[in-house]
Amino acid sequence: MRRSLRWAAMLAFSVALALVVAACGGSSKKSSTAGATGTTPPAGAKQGGHITFLAAADVDYIDPGQTYYTFGYMVEYATQRTLYSFKPQDSVNPVPDLATGPPEISSDRKTITVHIRKGVKFSPPVNREVTSKDIKYAFERAFTKQVPSGGHLLRRDRRRPVAVEHDQLQADLGHLDPG
């Protein structure tokens, strides 16, 4: 039972990590390659245009703190950056995006520390670098009752489970209670 609670807490944390940064733009680095994977476009490809597709569902929310269904996540992943993401060929092993590397997990397995990549900026009109304080805000927002994400149900007490220091974010899983 304790192990399943720990996995539920880790899953909730992972989902929150995936949704923490709304409206993040690209990094400040210039790149001459096209596409998310860094491949060059096929010969004769043209930039721009539009796409129309038929689906049996709709986007539930544009707000990353509220979206729940696949179509909402499709919009979120196309327009926002996350701490970790997955390569299309590997849906099992997360790769760092806003994070600089894998999370550091304390020996008691209650604290996760993530270092934030420098140089990644919000898209206009914000135009400033993403910081660990931005990600902390997203976590705290997810844990409020005002955002119907279910995160507030994991809170055992009023202590804040996320702390920031310079370019690192620490989440204290000892404050999570799935029960």
N, C-alpha and C. Protein backbone atom coordinates (compact mmCIF):
# COMPACT_ATOMS: atom_id res chain seq x y z
N MET A 1 0.83 -1.20 0.00
CA MET A 1 0.00 0.00 0.00
C MET A 1 0.87 1.25 0.00
N ARG A 2 1.92 1.27 0.85
CA ARG A 2 2.81 2.43 0.92
C ARG A 2 3.51 2.66 -0.42
N ARG A 3 3.87 1.56 -1.06
CA ARG A 3 4.56 1.68 -2.35
C ARG A 3 3.63 2.27 -3.40
N SER A 4 2.36 1.87 -3.41
CA SER A 4 1.43 2.42 -4.39
C SER A 4 1.17 3.90 -4.10
N LEU A 5 1.17 4.31 -2.84
CA LEU A 5 1.00 5.72 -2.51
C LEU A 5 2.20 6.52 -3.01
N ARG A 6 3.39 5.96 -2.84
CA ARG A 6 4.60 6.63 -3.31
C ARG A 6 4.55 6.78 -4.83
N TRP A 7 4.12 5.72 -5.53
CA TRP A 7 4.02 5.81 -6.99
C TRP A 7 2.96 6.81 -7.40
N ALA A 8 1.86 6.87 -6.68
CA ALA A 8 0.82 7.85 -6.99
C ALA A 8 1.36 9.26 -6.80
N ALA A 9 2.13 9.47 -5.74
CA ALA A 9 2.72 10.78 -5.50
C ALA A 9 3.73 11.11 -6.60
N MET A 10 4.54 10.15 -6.98
CA MET A 10 5.51 10.37 -8.05
C MET A 10 4.80 10.67 -9.37
N LEU A 11 3.71 9.96 -9.65
CA LEU A 11 2.95 10.20 -10.86
C LEU A 11 2.36 11.60 -10.85
N ALA A 12 1.79 12.00 -9.72
CA ALA A 12 1.21 13.34 -9.61
C ALA A 12 2.31 14.39 -9.80
N PHE A 13 3.47 14.15 -9.22
CA PHE A 13 4.58 15.08 -9.38
C PHE A 13 5.02 15.15 -10.84
N SER A 14 5.09 14.00 -11.50
CA SER A 14 5.51 13.96 -12.90
C SER A 14 4.53 14.70 -13.79
N VAL A 15 3.23 14.50 -13.54
CA VAL A 15 2.22 15.22 -14.31
C VAL A 15 2.35 16.72 -14.09
N ALA A 16 2.56 17.10 -12.83
CA ALA A 16 2.73 18.52 -12.53
C ALA A 16 3.97 19.07 -13.22
N LEU A 17 5.06 18.29 -13.25
CA LEU A 17 6.26 18.72 -13.94
C LEU A 17 5.98 18.97 -15.42
N ALA A 18 5.16 18.14 -16.00
CA ALA A 18 4.86 18.27 -17.41
C ALA A 18 4.04 19.50 -17.73
N LEU A 19 3.37 20.06 -16.76
CA LEU A 19 2.47 21.19 -17.02
C LEU A 19 2.88 22.49 -16.37
N VAL A 20 4.08 22.55 -15.82
CA VAL A 20 4.42 23.68 -14.96
C VAL A 20 4.65 25.01 -15.64
N VAL A 21 5.11 25.03 -16.84
CA VAL A 21 5.49 26.31 -17.42
C VAL A 21 4.56 26.66 -18.58
N ALA A 22 3.70 27.61 -18.37
CA ALA A 22 2.78 28.04 -19.41
C ALA A 22 3.44 29.08 -20.30
N ALA A 23 3.24 28.97 -21.58
CA ALA A 23 3.66 29.94 -22.58
C ALA A 23 5.17 30.16 -22.65
N CYS A 24 5.94 29.13 -22.42
CA CYS A 24 7.40 29.27 -22.56
C CYS A 24 7.75 29.26 -24.03
N GLY A 25 8.67 30.10 -24.39
CA GLY A 25 9.16 30.13 -25.76
C GLY A 25 10.40 29.27 -25.87
N GLY A 26 11.15 29.50 -26.92
CA GLY A 26 12.37 28.74 -27.14
C GLY A 26 13.52 29.34 -26.35
N SER A 27 14.69 28.75 -26.49
CA SER A 27 15.88 29.27 -25.81
C SER A 27 16.42 30.46 -26.59
N SER A 28 17.39 31.11 -26.02
CA SER A 28 17.98 32.27 -26.67
C SER A 28 18.99 31.87 -27.74
N LYS A 29 19.27 30.60 -27.88
CA LYS A 29 20.22 30.13 -28.87
C LYS A 29 19.60 30.20 -30.26
N LYS A 30 20.41 30.61 -31.24
CA LYS A 30 19.96 30.64 -32.63
C LYS A 30 20.20 29.26 -33.23
N SER A 31 19.28 28.79 -34.04
CA SER A 31 19.41 27.49 -34.66
C SER A 31 19.02 27.58 -36.13
N SER A 32 19.75 26.92 -36.98
CA SER A 32 19.44 26.96 -38.39
C SER A 32 18.69 25.73 -38.84
N THR A 33 18.44 24.79 -37.95
CA THR A 33 17.72 23.59 -38.33
C THR A 33 16.23 23.81 -38.15
N ALA A 34 15.44 23.04 -38.86
CA ALA A 34 13.98 23.17 -38.79
C ALA A 34 13.41 21.98 -38.04
N GLY A 35 12.30 22.20 -37.38
CA GLY A 35 11.61 21.11 -36.70
C GLY A 35 12.15 20.85 -35.32
N ALA A 36 11.34 20.20 -34.49
CA ALA A 36 11.71 19.94 -33.10
C ALA A 36 12.84 18.94 -32.97
N THR A 37 13.00 18.07 -33.95
CA THR A 37 14.02 17.04 -33.83
C THR A 37 15.34 17.47 -34.45
N GLY A 38 15.40 18.69 -35.03
CA GLY A 38 16.64 19.17 -35.59
C GLY A 38 16.91 18.64 -36.99
N THR A 39 15.93 18.07 -37.66
CA THR A 39 16.12 17.57 -39.02
C THR A 39 15.82 18.68 -40.00
N THR A 40 16.36 18.55 -41.20
CA THR A 40 16.07 19.54 -42.24
C THR A 40 14.77 19.15 -42.94
N PRO A 41 14.04 20.14 -43.43
CA PRO A 41 12.76 19.83 -44.10
C PRO A 41 13.01 19.11 -45.41
N PRO A 42 12.02 18.34 -45.87
CA PRO A 42 12.18 17.65 -47.15
C PRO A 42 12.25 18.66 -48.31
N ALA A 43 12.84 18.25 -49.39
CA ALA A 43 12.95 19.13 -50.56
C ALA A 43 11.56 19.55 -51.02
N GLY A 44 11.41 20.83 -51.32
CA GLY A 44 10.13 21.35 -51.80
C GLY A 44 9.16 21.73 -50.69
N ALA A 45 9.55 21.55 -49.43
CA ALA A 45 8.65 21.91 -48.32
C ALA A 45 8.53 23.41 -48.23
N LYS A 46 7.32 23.88 -47.86
CA LYS A 46 7.08 25.31 -47.71
C LYS A 46 6.67 25.60 -46.27
N GLN A 47 7.14 26.73 -45.74
CA GLN A 47 6.80 27.13 -44.38
C GLN A 47 5.45 27.82 -44.38
N GLY A 48 4.69 27.62 -43.30
CA GLY A 48 3.41 28.30 -43.14
C GLY A 48 2.25 27.44 -43.60
N GLY A 49 1.10 28.07 -43.73
CA GLY A 49 -0.09 27.34 -44.16
C GLY A 49 -0.98 27.01 -42.98
N HIS A 50 -1.91 26.10 -43.18
CA HIS A 50 -2.81 25.68 -42.11
C HIS A 50 -3.14 24.21 -42.29
N ILE A 51 -3.65 23.64 -41.23
CA ILE A 51 -4.03 22.24 -41.26
C ILE A 51 -5.43 22.11 -40.66
N THR A 52 -6.22 21.27 -41.25
CA THR A 52 -7.55 21.00 -40.74
C THR A 52 -7.67 19.50 -40.55
N PHE A 53 -8.19 19.09 -39.39
CA PHE A 53 -8.41 17.66 -39.20
C PHE A 53 -9.72 17.45 -38.46
N LEU A 54 -10.32 16.32 -38.69
CA LEU A 54 -11.59 15.97 -38.08
C LEU A 54 -11.31 15.09 -36.86
N ALA A 55 -11.94 15.40 -35.76
CA ALA A 55 -11.73 14.63 -34.54
C ALA A 55 -13.06 14.47 -33.81
N ALA A 56 -13.12 13.46 -32.99
CA ALA A 56 -14.34 13.18 -32.23
C ALA A 56 -14.32 13.85 -30.86
N ALA A 57 -13.45 14.81 -30.67
CA ALA A 57 -13.34 15.50 -29.39
C ALA A 57 -12.91 16.93 -29.64
N ASP A 58 -12.75 17.68 -28.56
CA ASP A 58 -12.35 19.07 -28.65
C ASP A 58 -11.35 19.36 -27.53
N VAL A 59 -10.72 20.51 -27.61
CA VAL A 59 -9.80 20.93 -26.56
C VAL A 59 -10.65 21.30 -25.34
N ASP A 60 -10.35 20.69 -24.20
CA ASP A 60 -11.14 20.98 -23.00
C ASP A 60 -10.74 22.32 -22.39
N TYR A 61 -9.45 22.58 -22.22
CA TYR A 61 -8.95 23.84 -21.68
C TYR A 61 -7.65 24.20 -22.36
N ILE A 62 -7.39 25.48 -22.49
CA ILE A 62 -6.09 25.96 -22.96
C ILE A 62 -5.16 26.12 -21.76
N ASP A 63 -5.71 26.29 -20.58
CA ASP A 63 -4.95 26.45 -19.34
C ASP A 63 -4.24 25.13 -19.01
N PRO A 64 -2.90 25.14 -18.91
CA PRO A 64 -2.19 23.89 -18.63
C PRO A 64 -2.50 23.32 -17.24
N GLY A 65 -2.99 24.16 -16.35
CA GLY A 65 -3.35 23.67 -15.02
C GLY A 65 -4.68 22.96 -14.99
N GLN A 66 -5.48 23.11 -16.04
CA GLN A 66 -6.80 22.51 -16.05
C GLN A 66 -7.00 21.44 -17.10
N THR A 67 -6.23 21.49 -18.19
CA THR A 67 -6.47 20.54 -19.26
C THR A 67 -6.28 19.11 -18.79
N TYR A 68 -7.05 18.21 -19.39
CA TYR A 68 -7.03 16.82 -18.94
C TYR A 68 -7.02 15.85 -20.11
N TYR A 69 -7.62 16.23 -21.20
CA TYR A 69 -7.80 15.30 -22.31
C TYR A 69 -6.71 15.46 -23.37
N THR A 70 -6.61 14.48 -24.23
CA THR A 70 -5.56 14.41 -25.24
C THR A 70 -5.48 15.67 -26.09
N PHE A 71 -6.61 16.17 -26.56
CA PHE A 71 -6.57 17.32 -27.45
C PHE A 71 -6.06 18.57 -26.74
N GLY A 72 -6.37 18.72 -25.47
CA GLY A 72 -5.83 19.83 -24.69
C GLY A 72 -4.32 19.70 -24.54
N TYR A 73 -3.86 18.47 -24.28
CA TYR A 73 -2.42 18.26 -24.15
C TYR A 73 -1.70 18.47 -25.48
N MET A 74 -2.36 18.18 -26.59
CA MET A 74 -1.74 18.42 -27.90
C MET A 74 -1.43 19.91 -28.07
N VAL A 75 -2.36 20.77 -27.66
CA VAL A 75 -2.14 22.21 -27.74
C VAL A 75 -1.03 22.61 -26.75
N GLU A 76 -1.10 22.08 -25.53
CA GLU A 76 -0.11 22.44 -24.51
C GLU A 76 1.30 22.08 -24.95
N TYR A 77 1.50 20.86 -25.44
CA TYR A 77 2.84 20.43 -25.82
C TYR A 77 3.35 21.16 -27.05
N ALA A 78 2.44 21.64 -27.90
CA ALA A 78 2.86 22.37 -29.09
C ALA A 78 3.23 23.82 -28.78
N THR A 79 2.74 24.34 -27.66
CA THR A 79 2.95 25.76 -27.38
C THR A 79 3.76 26.04 -26.12
N GLN A 80 4.07 25.02 -25.33
CA GLN A 80 4.73 25.26 -24.05
C GLN A 80 5.86 24.27 -23.81
N ARG A 81 6.78 24.67 -22.96
CA ARG A 81 7.92 23.82 -22.61
C ARG A 81 7.66 23.19 -21.26
N THR A 82 8.22 22.03 -21.03
CA THR A 82 8.08 21.32 -19.76
C THR A 82 9.46 21.02 -19.19
N LEU A 83 9.50 20.64 -17.91
CA LEU A 83 10.78 20.26 -17.32
C LEU A 83 11.36 19.04 -18.03
N TYR A 84 10.50 18.08 -18.29
CA TYR A 84 10.90 16.84 -18.96
C TYR A 84 9.87 16.53 -20.03
N SER A 85 10.33 15.86 -21.06
CA SER A 85 9.43 15.45 -22.13
C SER A 85 9.89 14.08 -22.63
N PHE A 86 9.29 13.63 -23.70
CA PHE A 86 9.64 12.32 -24.27
C PHE A 86 9.91 12.47 -25.75
N LYS A 87 10.85 11.70 -26.25
CA LYS A 87 11.10 11.65 -27.68
C LYS A 87 10.02 10.78 -28.32
N PRO A 88 9.64 11.08 -29.55
CA PRO A 88 8.58 10.30 -30.19
C PRO A 88 8.89 8.80 -30.26
N GLN A 89 10.16 8.45 -30.40
CA GLN A 89 10.54 7.05 -30.51
C GLN A 89 10.68 6.36 -29.15
N ASP A 90 10.63 7.12 -28.06
CA ASP A 90 10.85 6.54 -26.73
C ASP A 90 9.90 7.20 -25.72
N SER A 91 8.78 6.57 -25.48
CA SER A 91 7.78 7.13 -24.56
C SER A 91 7.98 6.63 -23.13
N VAL A 92 9.11 6.01 -22.85
CA VAL A 92 9.38 5.47 -21.52
C VAL A 92 10.40 6.31 -20.76
N ASN A 93 11.42 6.79 -21.44
CA ASN A 93 12.51 7.50 -20.79
C ASN A 93 12.39 9.00 -21.01
N PRO A 94 12.08 9.76 -19.95
CA PRO A 94 11.98 11.22 -20.11
C PRO A 94 13.34 11.84 -20.38
N VAL A 95 13.32 12.92 -21.17
CA VAL A 95 14.54 13.67 -21.46
C VAL A 95 14.36 15.10 -20.94
N PRO A 96 15.41 15.70 -20.44
CA PRO A 96 15.30 17.07 -19.91
C PRO A 96 14.96 18.06 -21.01
N ASP A 97 14.11 19.02 -20.68
CA ASP A 97 13.82 20.13 -21.57
C ASP A 97 14.18 21.42 -20.84
N LEU A 98 13.35 21.86 -19.90
CA LEU A 98 13.72 23.01 -19.08
C LEU A 98 14.70 22.61 -17.98
N ALA A 99 14.73 21.35 -17.64
CA ALA A 99 15.69 20.84 -16.65
C ALA A 99 17.04 20.64 -17.32
N THR A 100 18.11 20.71 -16.53
CA THR A 100 19.45 20.52 -17.09
C THR A 100 19.85 19.05 -17.16
N GLY A 101 19.16 18.21 -16.42
CA GLY A 101 19.50 16.79 -16.39
C GLY A 101 18.46 16.04 -15.59
N PRO A 102 18.75 14.78 -15.26
CA PRO A 102 17.79 14.00 -14.48
C PRO A 102 17.57 14.59 -13.09
N PRO A 103 16.42 14.34 -12.49
CA PRO A 103 16.18 14.86 -11.14
C PRO A 103 17.09 14.16 -10.13
N GLU A 104 17.47 14.89 -9.09
CA GLU A 104 18.24 14.31 -8.00
C GLU A 104 17.25 13.92 -6.91
N ILE A 105 17.25 12.65 -6.52
CA ILE A 105 16.31 12.15 -5.51
C ILE A 105 17.09 11.88 -4.24
N SER A 106 16.59 12.41 -3.12
CA SER A 106 17.29 12.26 -1.84
C SER A 106 17.31 10.80 -1.41
N SER A 107 18.21 10.47 -0.50
CA SER A 107 18.36 9.08 -0.05
C SER A 107 17.09 8.57 0.64
N ASP A 108 16.33 9.46 1.29
CA ASP A 108 15.08 9.02 1.92
C ASP A 108 13.91 9.01 0.94
N ARG A 109 14.20 9.38 -0.32
CA ARG A 109 13.25 9.37 -1.43
C ARG A 109 12.05 10.30 -1.19
N LYS A 110 12.27 11.36 -0.42
CA LYS A 110 11.19 12.31 -0.14
C LYS A 110 11.40 13.67 -0.79
N THR A 111 12.59 13.93 -1.30
CA THR A 111 12.86 15.23 -1.91
C THR A 111 13.46 15.04 -3.29
N ILE A 112 12.88 15.76 -4.24
CA ILE A 112 13.38 15.74 -5.62
C ILE A 112 13.92 17.13 -5.92
N THR A 113 15.15 17.19 -6.46
CA THR A 113 15.75 18.46 -6.84
C THR A 113 15.97 18.46 -8.34
N VAL A 114 15.52 19.54 -8.98
CA VAL A 114 15.68 19.70 -10.42
C VAL A 114 16.39 21.02 -10.68
N HIS A 115 17.45 21.00 -11.48
CA HIS A 115 18.15 22.22 -11.85
C HIS A 115 17.56 22.73 -13.17
N ILE A 116 17.34 24.04 -13.24
CA ILE A 116 16.67 24.66 -14.37
C ILE A 116 17.69 25.17 -15.38
N ARG A 117 17.42 24.90 -16.65
CA ARG A 117 18.30 25.33 -17.75
C ARG A 117 18.28 26.86 -17.84
N LYS A 118 19.44 27.45 -18.02
CA LYS A 118 19.56 28.90 -18.18
C LYS A 118 19.38 29.26 -19.65
N GLY A 119 18.88 30.48 -19.88
CA GLY A 119 18.78 30.99 -21.24
C GLY A 119 17.45 30.72 -21.93
N VAL A 120 16.54 29.99 -21.31
CA VAL A 120 15.23 29.74 -21.91
C VAL A 120 14.32 30.89 -21.53
N LYS A 121 13.69 31.50 -22.53
CA LYS A 121 12.86 32.66 -22.28
C LYS A 121 11.40 32.40 -22.57
N PHE A 122 10.54 33.15 -21.86
CA PHE A 122 9.12 33.15 -22.18
C PHE A 122 8.95 33.81 -23.55
N SER A 123 7.88 33.43 -24.23
CA SER A 123 7.59 34.07 -25.51
C SER A 123 7.03 35.47 -25.27
N PRO A 124 6.99 36.32 -26.31
CA PRO A 124 6.45 37.67 -26.14
C PRO A 124 5.00 37.60 -25.67
N PRO A 125 4.55 38.51 -24.90
CA PRO A 125 5.15 39.78 -24.56
C PRO A 125 6.03 39.73 -23.31
N VAL A 126 6.18 38.58 -22.65
CA VAL A 126 6.94 38.52 -21.41
C VAL A 126 8.43 38.73 -21.67
N ASN A 127 9.01 37.96 -22.59
CA ASN A 127 10.40 38.14 -23.01
C ASN A 127 11.43 38.17 -21.89
N ARG A 128 11.30 37.33 -20.91
CA ARG A 128 12.32 37.24 -19.87
C ARG A 128 12.63 35.77 -19.64
N GLU A 129 13.76 35.55 -18.99
CA GLU A 129 14.22 34.18 -18.76
C GLU A 129 13.32 33.45 -17.76
N VAL A 130 13.05 32.19 -18.03
CA VAL A 130 12.29 31.34 -17.12
C VAL A 130 13.17 31.04 -15.91
N THR A 131 12.62 31.15 -14.71
CA THR A 131 13.39 30.88 -13.49
C THR A 131 12.71 29.78 -12.68
N SER A 132 13.41 29.32 -11.67
CA SER A 132 12.82 28.31 -10.79
C SER A 132 11.61 28.88 -10.05
N LYS A 133 11.57 30.19 -9.84
CA LYS A 133 10.41 30.81 -9.18
C LYS A 133 9.15 30.68 -10.03
N ASP A 134 9.30 30.73 -11.36
CA ASP A 134 8.15 30.54 -12.25
C ASP A 134 7.59 29.13 -12.12
N ILE A 135 8.48 28.18 -12.03
CA ILE A 135 8.05 26.79 -11.92
C ILE A 135 7.44 26.53 -10.55
N LYS A 136 8.00 27.14 -9.52
CA LYS A 136 7.42 27.04 -8.18
C LYS A 136 6.00 27.59 -8.20
N TYR A 137 5.80 28.74 -8.85
CA TYR A 137 4.47 29.33 -8.95
C TYR A 137 3.49 28.34 -9.60
N ALA A 138 3.94 27.67 -10.67
CA ALA A 138 3.07 26.73 -11.36
C ALA A 138 2.68 25.56 -10.45
N PHE A 139 3.65 25.06 -9.67
CA PHE A 139 3.34 23.99 -8.73
C PHE A 139 2.34 24.46 -7.68
N GLU A 140 2.59 25.63 -7.11
CA GLU A 140 1.68 26.13 -6.08
C GLU A 140 0.30 26.37 -6.64
N ARG A 141 0.22 26.86 -7.86
CA ARG A 141 -1.08 27.06 -8.51
C ARG A 141 -1.80 25.73 -8.69
N ALA A 142 -1.06 24.69 -9.07
CA ALA A 142 -1.68 23.38 -9.26
C ALA A 142 -2.21 22.80 -7.95
N PHE A 143 -1.62 23.22 -6.83
CA PHE A 143 -2.04 22.70 -5.53
C PHE A 143 -3.12 23.55 -4.86
N THR A 144 -3.68 24.53 -5.57
CA THR A 144 -4.76 25.33 -4.99
C THR A 144 -6.10 24.77 -5.38
N LYS A 145 -7.10 25.07 -4.61
CA LYS A 145 -8.46 24.62 -4.92
C LYS A 145 -9.07 25.41 -6.07
N GLN A 146 -8.50 26.58 -6.40
CA GLN A 146 -9.04 27.41 -7.46
C GLN A 146 -8.77 26.85 -8.86
N VAL A 147 -7.78 25.98 -8.99
CA VAL A 147 -7.48 25.36 -10.27
C VAL A 147 -7.90 23.90 -10.17
N PRO A 148 -8.93 23.50 -10.90
CA PRO A 148 -9.48 22.15 -10.74
C PRO A 148 -8.60 21.05 -11.35
N SER A 149 -7.36 20.95 -10.86
CA SER A 149 -6.45 19.93 -11.38
C SER A 149 -6.39 18.69 -10.50
N GLY A 150 -6.92 18.78 -9.30
CA GLY A 150 -6.85 17.67 -8.38
C GLY A 150 -5.59 17.70 -7.52
N GLY A 151 -4.66 18.57 -7.83
CA GLY A 151 -3.42 18.65 -7.06
C GLY A 151 -3.65 19.02 -5.61
N HIS A 152 -4.65 19.86 -5.35
CA HIS A 152 -4.92 20.27 -3.97
C HIS A 152 -5.36 19.10 -3.10
N LEU A 153 -5.85 18.04 -3.71
CA LEU A 153 -6.28 16.86 -2.94
C LEU A 153 -5.09 16.11 -2.36
N LEU A 154 -3.90 16.34 -2.90
CA LEU A 154 -2.69 15.67 -2.41
C LEU A 154 -2.05 16.39 -1.24
N ARG A 155 -2.51 17.59 -0.94
CA ARG A 155 -1.91 18.38 0.13
C ARG A 155 -2.39 17.89 1.49
N ARG A 156 -1.48 17.58 2.37
CA ARG A 156 -1.81 17.15 3.72
C ARG A 156 -1.96 18.35 4.64
N ASP A 157 -1.16 19.36 4.41
CA ASP A 157 -1.17 20.52 5.28
C ASP A 157 -0.92 21.77 4.44
N ARG A 158 -0.77 22.90 5.09
CA ARG A 158 -0.61 24.16 4.39
C ARG A 158 0.85 24.51 4.07
N ARG A 159 1.80 23.68 4.49
CA ARG A 159 3.20 23.96 4.16
C ARG A 159 3.39 23.86 2.65
N ARG A 160 4.30 24.65 2.16
CA ARG A 160 4.53 24.65 0.71
C ARG A 160 5.52 23.54 0.36
N PRO A 161 5.15 22.64 -0.55
CA PRO A 161 6.02 21.51 -0.87
C PRO A 161 7.14 21.84 -1.84
N VAL A 162 7.15 23.05 -2.42
CA VAL A 162 8.16 23.38 -3.41
C VAL A 162 8.99 24.56 -2.92
N ALA A 163 10.30 24.44 -3.04
CA ALA A 163 11.21 25.52 -2.65
C ALA A 163 12.14 25.80 -3.83
N VAL A 164 12.62 27.03 -3.90
CA VAL A 164 13.55 27.39 -4.97
C VAL A 164 14.81 28.00 -4.37
N GLU A 165 15.91 27.79 -5.07
CA GLU A 165 17.17 28.42 -4.70
C GLU A 165 17.98 28.55 -5.98
N HIS A 166 18.22 29.78 -6.40
CA HIS A 166 18.95 30.08 -7.63
C HIS A 166 18.31 29.36 -8.80
N ASP A 167 19.02 28.40 -9.41
CA ASP A 167 18.50 27.72 -10.59
C ASP A 167 17.97 26.32 -10.27
N GLN A 168 17.64 26.07 -9.00
CA GLN A 168 17.14 24.74 -8.68
C GLN A 168 15.77 24.81 -8.00
N LEU A 169 15.04 23.76 -8.20
CA LEU A 169 13.69 23.60 -7.67
C LEU A 169 13.69 22.34 -6.81
N GLN A 170 13.14 22.42 -5.59
CA GLN A 170 13.07 21.24 -4.73
C GLN A 170 11.61 20.98 -4.38
N ALA A 171 11.19 19.75 -4.56
CA ALA A 171 9.84 19.34 -4.20
C ALA A 171 9.95 18.34 -3.07
N ASP A 172 9.26 18.61 -1.98
CA ASP A 172 9.28 17.74 -0.81
C ASP A 172 8.08 16.81 -0.87
N LEU A 173 8.30 15.56 -1.23
CA LEU A 173 7.21 14.60 -1.35
C LEU A 173 6.68 14.14 -0.01
N GLY A 174 7.37 14.49 1.08
CA GLY A 174 6.88 14.17 2.41
C GLY A 174 5.60 14.92 2.74
N HIS A 175 5.29 15.97 1.96
CA HIS A 175 4.07 16.76 2.19
C HIS A 175 2.89 16.25 1.37
N LEU A 176 3.11 15.26 0.51
CA LEU A 176 2.02 14.74 -0.31
C LEU A 176 1.32 13.61 0.41
N ASP A 177 0.02 13.60 0.31
CA ASP A 177 -0.77 12.57 0.97
C ASP A 177 -1.93 12.20 0.05
N PRO A 178 -1.80 11.11 -0.72
CA PRO A 178 -2.86 10.74 -1.64
C PRO A 178 -4.14 10.25 -0.94
N GLY A 179 -4.11 10.10 0.35
CA GLY A 179 -5.26 9.55 1.06
C GLY A 179 -6.22 10.50 1.55
